[in-house]
N, C-alpha and C. Protein backbone atom coordinates (compact mmCIF):
# COMPACT_ATOMS: atom_id res chain seq x y z
N ILE A 1 0.86 -1.20 0.00
CA ILE A 1 0.00 0.00 0.00
C ILE A 1 0.89 1.25 0.00
N HIS A 2 0.56 2.20 -0.85
CA HIS A 2 1.36 3.41 -0.97
C HIS A 2 1.08 4.37 0.19
N GLY A 3 2.13 4.81 0.84
CA GLY A 3 1.97 5.76 1.93
C GLY A 3 1.56 5.12 3.24
N TYR A 4 1.66 3.79 3.30
CA TYR A 4 1.26 3.10 4.54
C TYR A 4 2.21 3.46 5.68
N GLN A 5 3.51 3.47 5.38
CA GLN A 5 4.50 3.80 6.40
C GLN A 5 4.29 5.22 6.90
N SER A 6 4.06 6.13 5.98
CA SER A 6 3.87 7.53 6.34
C SER A 6 2.62 7.69 7.21
N ALA A 7 1.56 7.00 6.79
CA ALA A 7 0.31 7.07 7.54
C ALA A 7 0.51 6.54 8.95
N LYS A 8 1.23 5.42 9.06
CA LYS A 8 1.46 4.82 10.36
C LYS A 8 2.28 5.75 11.25
N LYS A 9 3.28 6.38 10.64
CA LYS A 9 4.14 7.29 11.39
C LYS A 9 3.32 8.50 11.85
N LEU A 10 2.50 9.01 10.95
CA LEU A 10 1.66 10.16 11.29
C LEU A 10 0.69 9.78 12.40
N PHE A 11 0.15 8.56 12.31
CA PHE A 11 -0.80 8.09 13.32
C PHE A 11 -0.11 8.01 14.68
N GLU A 12 1.11 7.46 14.69
CA GLU A 12 1.84 7.33 15.95
C GLU A 12 2.17 8.71 16.51
N LEU A 13 2.54 9.64 15.63
CA LEU A 13 2.85 11.00 16.07
C LEU A 13 1.61 11.66 16.64
N THR A 14 0.48 11.37 16.02
CA THR A 14 -0.80 11.94 16.46
C THR A 14 -1.20 11.36 17.82
N GLN A 15 -0.84 10.10 18.04
CA GLN A 15 -1.17 9.44 19.30
C GLN A 15 -0.23 9.88 20.42
N THR A 16 0.85 10.58 20.02
CA THR A 16 1.85 11.05 20.99
C THR A 16 1.39 12.38 21.57
N ALA A 17 0.60 12.33 22.63
CA ALA A 17 0.07 13.56 23.20
C ALA A 17 0.50 13.64 24.66
């Protein structure tokens, strides 16, 4: 899937609160 790694990284960053 294209951009899966980026999406996962963004998700993890978003979960970092």
